């Protein structure tokens, strides 16, 4: 086989391996790691729904494949951010500690939909930033209590989110409460199919994955 072809094959395999799911043992279960060789930042991804992926030691999993943060996990690595999707029983603090120790880069915790109810837990681990998409913002604010507990915070919300527990009207009160710590990015367009509280609609940013990943990855690379 020609040397140039060997080199090209090696490069392709290397790139594929860098973006493949790696099962990581954490306190309370497994996470799925996707990481580039030299990430500029890191991010813990907390999916919505019941949060249970059923991650196994070999990196396979059985549920929530369509969830917005789950389906885009490798896209963060492609954007230069190491991502770690956590299963429902995993300690967020252990996920934050793992990323800090392995990569020595800032850690953002991102949560979508019902997963946002774990943000208060995440704050105890003192992440460098948090990102909430389609969040349960009234409940999150009540759980946190004081806006002083917030690090740099990004809110991503769809203008036409029709889920009854994540109305767009909840965004501005959260921004007013959080003050200068909170940045808001609105998403529009895309598609809406099925249950308005599920991943196939505006609530799940269907048709807008690239936009959402770009915004959240950019935020993660900017926190200190």
Foldseek 3Di string as FASTA:
>chain_A
DDPVVVVVVVVVVLVVVQLAWAWDDAVFGTKTKRADPAALFEEEEQFDDLQAFCADNRGDTDDDCLFLCNVCQSVLRVVRYMYIYDGNRGQLLRVLVVCCVPRVHAYEYEYEARSLLCVLSNLVSPGLAYEYELYLQVNSCVSNVALVSHHQYEYEYEQPQPDPRRHPVSPVVSCVRNDPSYDYDYDYDAAADDDSCDLRGRSVVHVCSVVVSVVVSVVRSPGD
